[in-house]
């Protein structure tokens, strides 16, 4: 089965996300470029891990009024396609950990924004 997303398609698509922050656009470009370089498995793992965890923090930082902007959500989905298309199973574990880190950050943000019910 042919992969529906190629690196070239994904790179072109990233410019189509309205409202995307420059930092997230740069992270998507970094992910796309990372797959083009010959690195040792260890270097690739480390660069991918750092890029995805940084991107997760950037996405969490875009939360406004308890809501994640659509552009940030779309960037995270696009990142998943880039990781899958360019790194396959090598990137799945790193992707899973970064997704877990993002979920934890978003949960923390959500809990901080909830009114304190213990004082009522």
PDB file of N, CA and C in Angstrom:
ATOM      1  N   UNK A   1       0.841  -1.181   0.000  1.00  0.00           N
ATOM      2  CA  UNK A   1       0.000   0.000   0.000  1.00  0.00           C
ATOM      3  C   UNK A   1       0.885   1.243   0.000  1.00  0.00           C
ATOM      4  N   UNK A   2       0.573   2.161  -0.875  1.00  0.00           N
ATOM      5  CA  UNK A   2       1.367   3.380  -0.991  1.00  0.00           C
ATOM      6  C   UNK A   2       1.011   4.358   0.122  1.00  0.00           C
ATOM      7  N   UNK A   3       2.049   4.997   0.675  1.00  0.00           N
ATOM      8  CA  UNK A   3       1.883   6.004   1.728  1.00  0.00           C
ATOM      9  C   UNK A   3       1.142   7.204   1.139  1.00  0.00           C
ATOM     10  N   UNK A   4       0.049   7.663   1.762  1.00  0.00           N
ATOM     11  CA  UNK A   4      -0.696   8.791   1.212  1.00  0.00           C
ATOM     12  C   UNK A   4       0.024  10.127   1.362  1.00  0.00           C
ATOM     13  N   UNK A   5       0.993  10.207   2.248  1.00  0.00           N
ATOM     14  CA  UNK A   5       1.712  11.451   2.481  1.00  0.00           C
ATOM     15  C   UNK A   5       3.177  11.248   2.158  1.00  0.00           C
ATOM     16  N   UNK A   6       3.720  12.076   1.286  1.00  0.00           N
ATOM     17  CA  UNK A   6       5.155  12.058   1.032  1.00  0.00           C
ATOM     18  C   UNK A   6       5.764  13.271   1.709  1.00  0.00           C
ATOM     19  N   UNK A   7       7.063  13.243   1.867  1.00  0.00           N
ATOM     20  CA  UNK A   7       7.734  14.377   2.513  1.00  0.00           C
ATOM     21  C   UNK A   7       7.474  15.667   1.743  1.00  0.00           C
ATOM     22  N   UNK A   8       7.521  15.600   0.420  1.00  0.00           N
ATOM     23  CA  UNK A   8       7.295  16.804  -0.393  1.00  0.00           C
ATOM     24  C   UNK A   8       5.871  17.326  -0.208  1.00  0.00           C
ATOM     25  N   UNK A   9       4.910  16.407  -0.175  1.00  0.00           N
ATOM     26  CA  UNK A   9       3.517  16.810   0.022  1.00  0.00           C
ATOM     27  C   UNK A   9       3.329  17.456   1.382  1.00  0.00           C
ATOM     28  N   UNK A  10       3.927  16.863   2.389  1.00  0.00           N
ATOM     29  CA  UNK A  10       3.784  17.404   3.739  1.00  0.00           C
ATOM     30  C   UNK A  10       4.439  18.767   3.872  1.00  0.00           C
ATOM     31  N   UNK A  11       5.605  18.934   3.269  1.00  0.00           N
ATOM     32  CA  UNK A  11       6.284  20.230   3.342  1.00  0.00           C
ATOM     33  C   UNK A  11       5.448  21.307   2.660  1.00  0.00           C
ATOM     34  N   UNK A  12       4.848  20.960   1.539  1.00  0.00           N
ATOM     35  CA  UNK A  12       4.009  21.926   0.829  1.00  0.00           C
ATOM     36  C   UNK A  12       2.746  22.234   1.627  1.00  0.00           C
ATOM     37  N   UNK A  13       2.207  21.233   2.294  1.00  0.00           N
ATOM     38  CA  UNK A  13       0.969  21.402   3.046  1.00  0.00           C
ATOM     39  C   UNK A  13       1.151  22.279   4.273  1.00  0.00           C
ATOM     40  N   UNK A  14       2.329  22.265   4.869  1.00  0.00           N
ATOM     41  CA  UNK A  14       2.523  23.022   6.112  1.00  0.00           C
ATOM     42  C   UNK A  14       2.235  24.502   5.931  1.00  0.00           C
ATOM     43  N   UNK A  15       2.456  25.024   4.742  1.00  0.00           N
ATOM     44  CA  UNK A  15       2.183  26.440   4.510  1.00  0.00           C
ATOM     45  C   UNK A  15       0.688  26.710   4.382  1.00  0.00           C
ATOM     46  N   UNK A  16      -0.116  25.654   4.335  1.00  0.00           N
ATOM     47  CA  UNK A  16      -1.559  25.806   4.182  1.00  0.00           C
ATOM     48  C   UNK A  16      -2.310  25.836   5.509  1.00  0.00           C
ATOM     49  N   UNK A  17      -1.607  25.867   6.618  1.00  0.00           N
ATOM     50  CA  UNK A  17      -2.272  25.905   7.922  1.00  0.00           C
ATOM     51  C   UNK A  17      -2.401  27.365   8.356  1.00  0.00           C
ATOM     52  N   UNK A  18      -3.593  27.948   8.206  1.00  0.00           N
ATOM     53  CA  UNK A  18      -3.777  29.335   8.614  1.00  0.00           C
ATOM     54  C   UNK A  18      -3.563  29.501  10.117  1.00  0.00           C
ATOM     55  N   UNK A  19      -2.885  30.569  10.497  1.00  0.00           N
ATOM     56  CA  UNK A  19      -2.678  30.879  11.901  1.00  0.00           C
ATOM     57  C   UNK A  19      -1.549  30.119  12.566  1.00  0.00           C
ATOM     58  N   UNK A  20      -0.784  29.369  11.794  1.00  0.00           N
ATOM     59  CA  UNK A  20       0.322  28.597  12.361  1.00  0.00           C
ATOM     60  C   UNK A  20       1.410  29.540  12.858  1.00  0.00           C
ATOM     61  N   UNK A  21       1.873  29.308  14.080  1.00  0.00           N
ATOM     62  CA  UNK A  21       2.938  30.157  14.617  1.00  0.00           C
ATOM     63  C   UNK A  21       4.236  29.890  13.858  1.00  0.00           C
ATOM     64  N   UNK A  22       5.114  30.880  13.772  1.00  0.00           N
ATOM     65  CA  UNK A  22       6.399  30.668  13.093  1.00  0.00           C
ATOM     66  C   UNK A  22       7.202  29.520  13.708  1.00  0.00           C
ATOM     67  N   UNK A  23       7.144  29.383  15.021  1.00  0.00           N
ATOM     68  CA  UNK A  23       7.879  28.307  15.683  1.00  0.00           C
ATOM     69  C   UNK A  23       7.385  26.929  15.277  1.00  0.00           C
ATOM     70  N   UNK A  24       6.065  26.762  15.188  1.00  0.00           N
ATOM     71  CA  UNK A  24       5.517  25.471  14.777  1.00  0.00           C
ATOM     72  C   UNK A  24       5.808  25.199  13.306  1.00  0.00           C
ATOM     73  N   UNK A  25       5.758  26.236  12.477  1.00  0.00           N
ATOM     74  CA  UNK A  25       6.114  26.061  11.063  1.00  0.00           C
ATOM     75  C   UNK A  25       7.567  25.614  10.942  1.00  0.00           C
ATOM     76  N   UNK A  26       8.427  26.208  11.753  1.00  0.00           N
ATOM     77  CA  UNK A  26       9.840  25.830  11.739  1.00  0.00           C
ATOM     78  C   UNK A  26      10.028  24.391  12.223  1.00  0.00           C
ATOM     79  N   UNK A  27       9.283  23.986  13.228  1.00  0.00           N
ATOM     80  CA  UNK A  27       9.377  22.609  13.723  1.00  0.00           C
ATOM     81  C   UNK A  27       8.945  21.610  12.654  1.00  0.00           C
ATOM     82  N   UNK A  28       7.879  21.921  11.924  1.00  0.00           N
ATOM     83  CA  UNK A  28       7.447  21.042  10.837  1.00  0.00           C
ATOM     84  C   UNK A  28       8.515  20.958   9.749  1.00  0.00           C
ATOM     85  N   UNK A  29       9.117  22.099   9.433  1.00  0.00           N
ATOM     86  CA  UNK A  29      10.191  22.108   8.435  1.00  0.00           C
ATOM     87  C   UNK A  29      11.391  21.296   8.924  1.00  0.00           C
ATOM     88  N   UNK A  30      11.707  21.419  10.207  1.00  0.00           N
ATOM     89  CA  UNK A  30      12.818  20.667  10.787  1.00  0.00           C
ATOM     90  C   UNK A  30      12.556  19.172  10.695  1.00  0.00           C
ATOM     91  N   UNK A  31      11.337  18.739  11.015  1.00  0.00           N
ATOM     92  CA  UNK A  31      10.991  17.321  10.903  1.00  0.00           C
ATOM     93  C   UNK A  31      11.147  16.828   9.469  1.00  0.00           C
ATOM     94  N   UNK A  32      10.670  17.629   8.524  1.00  0.00           N
ATOM     95  CA  UNK A  32      10.770  17.254   7.116  1.00  0.00           C
ATOM     96  C   UNK A  32      12.222  17.136   6.691  1.00  0.00           C
ATOM     97  N   UNK A  33      13.033  18.102   7.077  1.00  0.00           N
ATOM     98  CA  UNK A  33      14.452  18.094   6.707  1.00  0.00           C
ATOM     99  C   UNK A  33      15.225  16.986   7.401  1.00  0.00           C
ATOM    100  N   UNK A  34      14.855  16.668   8.623  1.00  0.00           N
ATOM    101  CA  UNK A  34      15.563  15.643   9.384  1.00  0.00           C
ATOM    102  C   UNK A  34      15.577  14.310   8.647  1.00  0.00           C
ATOM    103  N   UNK A  35      14.483  13.995   7.985  1.00  0.00           N
ATOM    104  CA  UNK A  35      14.399  12.747   7.238  1.00  0.00           C
ATOM    105  C   UNK A  35      15.282  12.710   6.009  1.00  0.00           C
ATOM    106  N   UNK A  36      15.785  13.845   5.584  1.00  0.00           N
ATOM    107  CA  UNK A  36      16.626  13.916   4.382  1.00  0.00           C
ATOM    108  C   UNK A  36      18.110  13.753   4.679  1.00  0.00           C
ATOM    109  N   UNK A  37      18.478  13.812   5.947  1.00  0.00           N
ATOM    110  CA  UNK A  37      19.891  13.763   6.315  1.00  0.00           C
ATOM    111  C   UNK A  37      20.289  12.365   6.748  1.00  0.00           C
ATOM    112  N   UNK A  38      21.511  12.020   6.417  1.00  0.00           N
ATOM    113  CA  UNK A  38      22.063  10.739   6.867  1.00  0.00           C
ATOM    114  C   UNK A  38      22.677  10.948   8.241  1.00  0.00           C
ATOM    115  N   UNK A  39      22.039  10.375   9.229  1.00  0.00           N
ATOM    116  CA  UNK A  39      22.520  10.464  10.600  1.00  0.00           C
ATOM    117  C   UNK A  39      22.614   9.051  11.163  1.00  0.00           C
ATOM    118  N   UNK A  40      23.419   8.904  12.178  1.00  0.00           N
ATOM    119  CA  UNK A  40      23.442   7.613  12.863  1.00  0.00           C
ATOM    120  C   UNK A  40      22.081   7.422  13.530  1.00  0.00           C
ATOM    121  N   UNK A  41      21.755   6.195  13.852  1.00  0.00           N
ATOM    122  CA  UNK A  41      20.470   5.915  14.507  1.00  0.00           C
ATOM    123  C   UNK A  41      20.344   6.702  15.806  1.00  0.00           C
ATOM    124  N   UNK A  42      21.434   6.800  16.532  1.00  0.00           N
ATOM    125  CA  UNK A  42      21.417   7.534  17.808  1.00  0.00           C
ATOM    126  C   UNK A  42      21.176   9.031  17.584  1.00  0.00           C
ATOM    127  N   UNK A  43      21.871   9.614  16.598  1.00  0.00           N
ATOM    128  CA  UNK A  43      21.690  11.043  16.300  1.00  0.00           C
ATOM    129  C   UNK A  43      20.269  11.318  15.822  1.00  0.00           C
ATOM    130  N   UNK A  44      19.770  10.466  14.933  1.00  0.00           N
ATOM    131  CA  UNK A  44      18.415  10.640  14.428  1.00  0.00           C
ATOM    132  C   UNK A  44      17.404  10.579  15.572  1.00  0.00           C
ATOM    133  N   UNK A  45      17.568   9.602  16.439  1.00  0.00           N
ATOM    134  CA  UNK A  45      16.676   9.438  17.591  1.00  0.00           C
ATOM    135  C   UNK A  45      16.678  10.701  18.455  1.00  0.00           C
ATOM    136  N   UNK A  46      17.864  11.204  18.746  1.00  0.00           N
ATOM    137  CA  UNK A  46      17.982  12.377  19.620  1.00  0.00           C
ATOM    138  C   UNK A  46      17.393  13.628  18.970  1.00  0.00           C
ATOM    139  N   UNK A  47      17.691  13.847  17.689  1.00  0.00           N
ATOM    140  CA  UNK A  47      17.139  15.020  16.992  1.00  0.00           C
ATOM    141  C   UNK A  47      15.616  14.936  16.911  1.00  0.00           C
ATOM    142  N   UNK A  48      15.109  13.761  16.593  1.00  0.00           N
ATOM    143  CA  UNK A  48      13.665  13.585  16.495  1.00  0.00           C
ATOM    144  C   UNK A  48      13.005  13.790  17.859  1.00  0.00           C
ATOM    145  N   UNK A  49      13.593  13.227  18.899  1.00  0.00           N
ATOM    146  CA  UNK A  49      13.052  13.368  20.254  1.00  0.00           C
ATOM    147  C   UNK A  49      13.007  14.840  20.673  1.00  0.00           C
ATOM    148  N   UNK A  50      14.114  15.535  20.475  1.00  0.00           N
ATOM    149  CA  UNK A  50      14.168  16.949  20.866  1.00  0.00           C
ATOM    150  C   UNK A  50      13.172  17.793  20.076  1.00  0.00           C
ATOM    151  N   UNK A  51      13.084  17.551  18.774  1.00  0.00           N
ATOM    152  CA  UNK A  51      12.173  18.326  17.932  1.00  0.00           C
ATOM    153  C   UNK A  51      10.723  18.104  18.343  1.00  0.00           C
ATOM    154  N   UNK A  52      10.344  16.845  18.562  1.00  0.00           N
ATOM    155  CA  UNK A  52       8.956  16.554  18.923  1.00  0.00           C
ATOM    156  C   UNK A  52       8.598  17.055  20.317  1.00  0.00           C
ATOM    157  N   UNK A  53       9.505  16.918  21.265  1.00  0.00           N
ATOM    158  CA  UNK A  53       9.204  17.407  22.617  1.00  0.00           C
ATOM    159  C   UNK A  53       9.147  18.937  22.647  1.00  0.00           C
ATOM    160  N   UNK A  54      10.006  19.589  21.868  1.00  0.00           N
ATOM    161  CA  UNK A  54       9.943  21.046  21.762  1.00  0.00           C
ATOM    162  C   UNK A  54       8.628  21.467  21.107  1.00  0.00           C
ATOM    163  N   UNK A  55       8.246  20.740  20.078  1.00  0.00           N
ATOM    164  CA  UNK A  55       6.999  21.046  19.390  1.00  0.00           C
ATOM    165  C   UNK A  55       5.799  20.839  20.319  1.00  0.00           C
ATOM    166  N   UNK A  56       5.835  19.795  21.131  1.00  0.00           N
ATOM    167  CA  UNK A  56       4.750  19.556  22.091  1.00  0.00           C
ATOM    168  C   UNK A  56       4.616  20.735  23.055  1.00  0.00           C
ATOM    169  N   UNK A  57       5.748  21.258  23.517  1.00  0.00           N
ATOM    170  CA  UNK A  57       5.704  22.419  24.415  1.00  0.00           C
ATOM    171  C   UNK A  57       5.160  23.648  23.690  1.00  0.00           C
ATOM    172  N   UNK A  58       5.595  23.851  22.448  1.00  0.00           N
ATOM    173  CA  UNK A  58       5.089  24.988  21.675  1.00  0.00           C
ATOM    174  C   UNK A  58       3.575  24.898  21.501  1.00  0.00           C
ATOM    175  N   UNK A  59       3.087  23.700  21.226  1.00  0.00           N
ATOM    176  CA  UNK A  59       1.646  23.519  21.044  1.00  0.00           C
ATOM    177  C   UNK A  59       0.910  23.809  22.350  1.00  0.00           C
ATOM    178  N   UNK A  60       1.412  23.288  23.448  1.00  0.00           N
ATOM    179  CA  UNK A  60       0.784  23.559  24.748  1.00  0.00           C
ATOM    180  C   UNK A  60       0.772  25.058  25.040  1.00  0.00           C
ATOM    181  N   UNK A  61       1.800  25.753  24.619  1.00  0.00           N
ATOM    182  CA  UNK A  61       1.887  27.198  24.856  1.00  0.00           C
ATOM    183  C   UNK A  61       0.865  28.002  24.056  1.00  0.00           C
ATOM    184  N   UNK A  62       0.220  27.376  23.053  1.00  0.00           N
ATOM    185  CA  UNK A  62      -0.757  28.109  22.245  1.00  0.00           C
ATOM    186  C   UNK A  62      -2.171  28.053  22.813  1.00  0.00           C
ATOM    187  N   UNK A  63      -2.380  27.300  23.888  1.00  0.00           N
ATOM    188  CA  UNK A  63      -3.721  27.188  24.480  1.00  0.00           C
ATOM    189  C   UNK A  63      -4.213  28.572  24.897  1.00  0.00           C
ATOM    190  N   UNK A  64      -5.459  28.868  24.493  1.00  0.00           N
ATOM    191  CA  UNK A  64      -6.081  30.150  24.831  1.00  0.00           C
ATOM    192  C   UNK A  64      -7.478  29.876  25.367  1.00  0.00           C
ATOM    193  N   UNK A  65      -7.789  30.396  26.537  1.00  0.00           N
ATOM    194  CA  UNK A  65      -9.118  30.222  27.137  1.00  0.00           C
ATOM    195  C   UNK A  65      -9.534  28.752  27.157  1.00  0.00           C
ATOM    196  N   UNK A  66      -8.652  27.895  27.610  1.00  0.00           N
ATOM    197  CA  UNK A  66      -8.889  26.448  27.725  1.00  0.00           C
ATOM    198  C   UNK A  66      -9.084  25.738  26.389  1.00  0.00           C
ATOM    199  N   UNK A  67      -8.714  26.376  25.293  1.00  0.00           N
ATOM    200  CA  UNK A  67      -8.897  25.758  23.979  1.00  0.00           C
ATOM    201  C   UNK A  67      -7.583  25.733  23.207  1.00  0.00           C
ATOM    202  N   UNK A  68      -7.370  24.633  22.516  1.00  0.00           N
ATOM    203  CA  UNK A  68      -6.206  24.497  21.649  1.00  0.00           C
ATOM    204  C   UNK A  68      -6.596  25.015  20.271  1.00  0.00           C
ATOM    205  N   UNK A  69      -5.871  25.986  19.730  1.00  0.00           N
ATOM    206  CA  UNK A  69      -6.209  26.502  18.405  1.00  0.00           C
ATOM    207  C   UNK A  69      -6.154  25.401  17.342  1.00  0.00           C
ATOM    208  N   UNK A  70      -7.046  25.491  16.376  1.00  0.00           N
ATOM    209  CA  UNK A  70      -7.094  24.510  15.295  1.00  0.00           C
ATOM    210  C   UNK A  70      -5.755  24.413  14.571  1.00  0.00           C
ATOM    211  N   UNK A  71      -5.080  25.538  14.386  1.00  0.00           N
ATOM    212  CA  UNK A  71      -3.793  25.515  13.683  1.00  0.00           C
ATOM    213  C   UNK A  71      -2.770  24.661  14.432  1.00  0.00           C
ATOM    214  N   UNK A  72      -2.784  24.720  15.748  1.00  0.00           N
ATOM    215  CA  UNK A  72      -1.858  23.912  16.547  1.00  0.00           C
ATOM    216  C   UNK A  72      -2.213  22.433  16.454  1.00  0.00           C
ATOM    217  N   UNK A  73      -3.504  22.130  16.529  1.00  0.00           N
ATOM    218  CA  UNK A  73      -3.948  20.744  16.394  1.00  0.00           C
ATOM    219  C   UNK A  73      -3.545  20.190  15.030  1.00  0.00           C
ATOM    220  N   UNK A  74      -3.775  20.972  13.990  1.00  0.00           N
ATOM    221  CA  UNK A  74      -3.420  20.527  12.635  1.00  0.00           C
ATOM    222  C   UNK A  74      -1.917  20.335  12.490  1.00  0.00           C
ATOM    223  N   UNK A  75      -1.123  21.189  13.117  1.00  0.00           N
ATOM    224  CA  UNK A  75       0.336  21.043  13.059  1.00  0.00           C
ATOM    225  C   UNK A  75       0.768  19.737  13.718  1.00  0.00           C
ATOM    226  N   UNK A  76       0.153  19.387  14.850  1.00  0.00           N
ATOM    227  CA  UNK A  76       0.507  18.146  15.550  1.00  0.00           C
ATOM    228  C   UNK A  76       0.133  16.926  14.700  1.00  0.00           C
ATOM    229  N   UNK A  77      -1.027  16.981  14.053  1.00  0.00           N
ATOM    230  CA  UNK A  77      -1.441  15.886  13.168  1.00  0.00           C
ATOM    231  C   UNK A  77      -0.482  15.780  11.989  1.00  0.00           C
ATOM    232  N   UNK A  78      -0.109  16.911  11.419  1.00  0.00           N
ATOM    233  CA  UNK A  78       0.835  16.896  10.306  1.00  0.00           C
ATOM    234  C   UNK A  78       2.175  16.315  10.750  1.00  0.00           C
ATOM    235  N   UNK A  79       2.614  16.672  11.942  1.00  0.00           N
ATOM    236  CA  UNK A  79       3.871  16.126  12.465  1.00  0.00           C
ATOM    237  C   UNK A  79       3.791  14.605  12.555  1.00  0.00           C
ATOM    238  N   UNK A  80       2.636  14.084  12.960  1.00  0.00           N
ATOM    239  CA  UNK A  80       2.491  12.624  13.046  1.00  0.00           C
ATOM    240  C   UNK A  80       2.647  11.982  11.675  1.00  0.00           C
ATOM    241  N   UNK A  81       2.107  12.618  10.644  1.00  0.00           N
ATOM    242  CA  UNK A  81       2.240  12.086   9.288  1.00  0.00           C
ATOM    243  C   UNK A  81       3.688  12.143   8.809  1.00  0.00           C
ATOM    244  N   UNK A  82       4.375  13.224   9.138  1.00  0.00           N
ATOM    245  CA  UNK A  82       5.790  13.343   8.760  1.00  0.00           C
ATOM    246  C   UNK A  82       6.600  12.245   9.439  1.00  0.00           C
ATOM    247  N   UNK A  83       6.395  12.074  10.732  1.00  0.00           N
ATOM    248  CA  UNK A  83       7.150  11.056  11.475  1.00  0.00           C
ATOM    249  C   UNK A  83       6.869   9.673  10.898  1.00  0.00           C
ATOM    250  N   UNK A  84       5.610   9.368  10.637  1.00  0.00           N
ATOM    251  CA  UNK A  84       5.261   8.050  10.100  1.00  0.00           C
ATOM    252  C   UNK A  84       5.855   7.849   8.704  1.00  0.00           C
ATOM    253  N   UNK A  85       5.732   8.856   7.842  1.00  0.00           N
ATOM    254  CA  UNK A  85       6.214   8.729   6.463  1.00  0.00           C
ATOM    255  C   UNK A  85       7.731   8.649   6.379  1.00  0.00           C
ATOM    256  N   UNK A  86       8.426   9.406   7.215  1.00  0.00           N
ATOM    257  CA  UNK A  86       9.879   9.484   7.083  1.00  0.00           C
ATOM    258  C   UNK A  86      10.648   8.570   8.021  1.00  0.00           C
ATOM    259  N   UNK A  87      10.058   8.207   9.144  1.00  0.00           N
ATOM    260  CA  UNK A  87      10.814   7.440  10.133  1.00  0.00           C
ATOM    261  C   UNK A  87      10.192   6.087  10.446  1.00  0.00           C
ATOM    262  N   UNK A  88       8.969   5.857   9.987  1.00  0.00           N
ATOM    263  CA  UNK A  88       8.318   4.566  10.179  1.00  0.00           C
ATOM    264  C   UNK A  88       8.343   4.111  11.623  1.00  0.00           C
ATOM    265  N   UNK A  89       8.640   2.836  11.800  1.00  0.00           N
ATOM    266  CA  UNK A  89       8.626   2.269  13.151  1.00  0.00           C
ATOM    267  C   UNK A  89       9.705   2.879  14.040  1.00  0.00           C
ATOM    268  N   UNK A  90      10.769   3.405  13.429  1.00  0.00           N
ATOM    269  CA  UNK A  90      11.829   4.048  14.224  1.00  0.00           C
ATOM    270  C   UNK A  90      11.290   5.260  14.974  1.00  0.00           C
ATOM    271  N   UNK A  91      10.321   5.920  14.391  1.00  0.00           N
ATOM    272  CA  UNK A  91       9.785   7.120  15.021  1.00  0.00           C
ATOM    273  C   UNK A  91       8.572   6.895  15.904  1.00  0.00           C
ATOM    274  N   UNK A  92       7.965   5.702  15.822  1.00  0.00           N
ATOM    275  CA  UNK A  92       6.719   5.465  16.551  1.00  0.00           C
ATOM    276  C   UNK A  92       6.862   5.596  18.065  1.00  0.00           C
ATOM    277  N   UNK A  93       7.924   5.052  18.617  1.00  0.00           N
ATOM    278  CA  UNK A  93       8.116   5.128  20.070  1.00  0.00           C
ATOM    279  C   UNK A  93       8.349   6.574  20.492  1.00  0.00           C
ATOM    280  N   UNK A  94       9.175   7.279  19.733  1.00  0.00           N
ATOM    281  CA  UNK A  94       9.459   8.685  20.048  1.00  0.00           C
ATOM    282  C   UNK A  94       8.174   9.502  19.931  1.00  0.00           C
ATOM    283  N   UNK A  95       7.394   9.238  18.880  1.00  0.00           N
ATOM    284  CA  UNK A  95       6.126   9.935  18.686  1.00  0.00           C
ATOM    285  C   UNK A  95       5.191   9.672  19.871  1.00  0.00           C
ATOM    286  N   UNK A  96       5.109   8.425  20.300  1.00  0.00           N
ATOM    287  CA  UNK A  96       4.247   8.071  21.424  1.00  0.00           C
ATOM    288  C   UNK A  96       4.633   8.808  22.699  1.00  0.00           C
ATOM    289  N   UNK A  97       5.927   8.896  22.945  1.00  0.00           N
ATOM    290  CA  UNK A  97       6.388   9.601  24.152  1.00  0.00           C
ATOM    291  C   UNK A  97       6.104  11.095  24.066  1.00  0.00           C
ATOM    292  N   UNK A  98       6.320  11.675  22.898  1.00  0.00           N
ATOM    293  CA  UNK A  98       6.045  13.108  22.732  1.00  0.00           C
ATOM    294  C   UNK A  98       4.547  13.381  22.861  1.00  0.00           C
ATOM    295  N   UNK A  99       3.725  12.489  22.331  1.00  0.00           N
ATOM    296  CA  UNK A  99       2.270  12.643  22.453  1.00  0.00           C
ATOM    297  C   UNK A  99       1.837  12.547  23.907  1.00  0.00           C
ATOM    298  N   UNK A 100       2.461  11.640  24.647  1.00  0.00           N
ATOM    299  CA  UNK A 100       2.173  11.526  26.075  1.00  0.00           C
ATOM    300  C   UNK A 100       2.568  12.785  26.828  1.00  0.00           C
ATOM    301  N   UNK A 101       3.716  13.352  26.456  1.00  0.00           N
ATOM    302  CA  UNK A 101       4.169  14.592  27.096  1.00  0.00           C
ATOM    303  C   UNK A 101       3.203  15.734  26.788  1.00  0.00           C
ATOM    304  N   UNK A 102       2.735  15.808  25.538  1.00  0.00           N
ATOM    305  CA  UNK A 102       1.773  16.848  25.173  1.00  0.00           C
ATOM    306  C   UNK A 102       0.470  16.660  25.951  1.00  0.00           C
ATOM    307  N   UNK A 103      -0.011  15.433  26.032  1.00  0.00           N
ATOM    308  CA  UNK A 103      -1.251  15.168  26.778  1.00  0.00           C
ATOM    309  C   UNK A 103      -1.107  15.585  28.240  1.00  0.00           C
ATOM    310  N   UNK A 104       0.038  15.292  28.838  1.00  0.00           N
ATOM    311  CA  UNK A 104       0.270  15.677  30.240  1.00  0.00           C
ATOM    312  C   UNK A 104       0.289  17.194  30.394  1.00  0.00           C
ATOM    313  N   UNK A 105       0.926  17.887  29.461  1.00  0.00           N
ATOM    314  CA  UNK A 105       0.964  19.356  29.530  1.00  0.00           C
ATOM    315  C   UNK A 105      -0.434  19.942  29.395  1.00  0.00           C
ATOM    316  N   UNK A 106      -1.202  19.416  28.441  1.00  0.00           N
ATOM    317  CA  UNK A 106      -2.557  19.926  28.240  1.00  0.00           C
ATOM    318  C   UNK A 106      -3.442  19.631  29.449  1.00  0.00           C
ATOM    319  N   UNK A 107      -3.260  18.485  30.078  1.00  0.00           N
ATOM    320  CA  UNK A 107      -4.007  18.162  31.295  1.00  0.00           C
ATOM    321  C   UNK A 107      -3.648  19.134  32.409  1.00  0.00           C
ATOM    322  N   UNK A 108      -2.362  19.410  32.577  1.00  0.00           N
ATOM    323  CA  UNK A 108      -1.927  20.374  33.596  1.00  0.00           C
ATOM    324  C   UNK A 108      -2.551  21.745  33.357  1.00  0.00           C
ATOM    325  N   UNK A 109      -2.547  22.181  32.110  1.00  0.00           N
ATOM    326  CA  UNK A 109      -3.136  23.482  31.769  1.00  0.00           C
ATOM    327  C   UNK A 109      -4.623  23.477  32.100  1.00  0.00           C
ATOM    328  N   UNK A 110      -5.300  22.404  31.730  1.00  0.00           N
ATOM    329  CA  UNK A 110      -6.735  22.291  31.979  1.00  0.00           C
ATOM    330  C   UNK A 110      -7.043  22.330  33.475  1.00  0.00           C
ATOM    331  N   UNK A 111      -6.254  21.621  34.266  1.00  0.00           N
ATOM    332  CA  UNK A 111      -6.478  21.596  35.715  1.00  0.00           C
ATOM    333  C   UNK A 111      -6.230  22.958  36.353  1.00  0.00           C
ATOM    334  N   UNK A 112      -5.248  23.683  35.839  1.00  0.00           N
ATOM    335  CA  UNK A 112      -4.958  25.019  36.376  1.00  0.00           C
ATOM    336  C   UNK A 112      -6.069  26.003  36.049  1.00  0.00           C
ATOM    337  N   UNK A 113      -6.798  25.762  34.958  1.00  0.00           N
ATOM    338  CA  UNK A 113      -7.843  26.692  34.533  1.00  0.00           C
ATOM    339  C   UNK A 113      -9.193  26.391  35.161  1.00  0.00           C
ATOM    340  N   UNK A 114      -9.339  25.208  35.783  1.00  0.00           N
ATOM    341  CA  UNK A 114     -10.607  24.867  36.426  1.00  0.00           C
ATOM    342  C   UNK A 114     -10.771  25.680  37.706  1.00  0.00           C
ATOM    343  N   UNK A 115     -12.003  26.116  37.998  1.00  0.00           N
ATOM    344  CA  UNK A 115     -12.232  26.820  39.266  1.00  0.00           C
ATOM    345  C   UNK A 115     -12.030  25.851  40.424  1.00  0.00           C
ATOM    346  N   UNK A 116     -11.582  26.369  41.519  1.00  0.00           N
ATOM    347  CA  UNK A 116     -11.333  25.555  42.711  1.00  0.00           C
ATOM    348  C   UNK A 116     -12.660  25.295  43.418  1.00  0.00           C
ATOM    349  N   UNK A 117     -13.163  24.054  43.305  1.00  0.00           N
ATOM    350  CA  UNK A 117     -14.454  23.690  43.898  1.00  0.00           C
ATOM    351  C   UNK A 117     -14.381  23.477  45.404  1.00  0.00           C
ATOM    352  N   UNK A 118     -13.187  23.383  45.966  1.00  0.00           N
ATOM    353  CA  UNK A 118     -13.063  23.094  47.396  1.00  0.00           C
ATOM    354  C   UNK A 118     -13.419  24.295  48.260  1.00  0.00           C
ATOM    355  N   UNK A 119     -13.491  25.477  47.692  1.00  0.00           N
ATOM    356  CA  UNK A 119     -13.759  26.678  48.481  1.00  0.00           C
ATOM    357  C   UNK A 119     -15.222  27.096  48.436  1.00  0.00           C
ATOM    358  N   UNK A 120     -16.093  26.305  47.825  1.00  0.00           N
ATOM    359  CA  UNK A 120     -17.506  26.690  47.737  1.00  0.00           C
ATOM    360  C   UNK A 120     -18.297  26.248  48.917  1.00  0.00           C
TER     361      UNK A 120
END
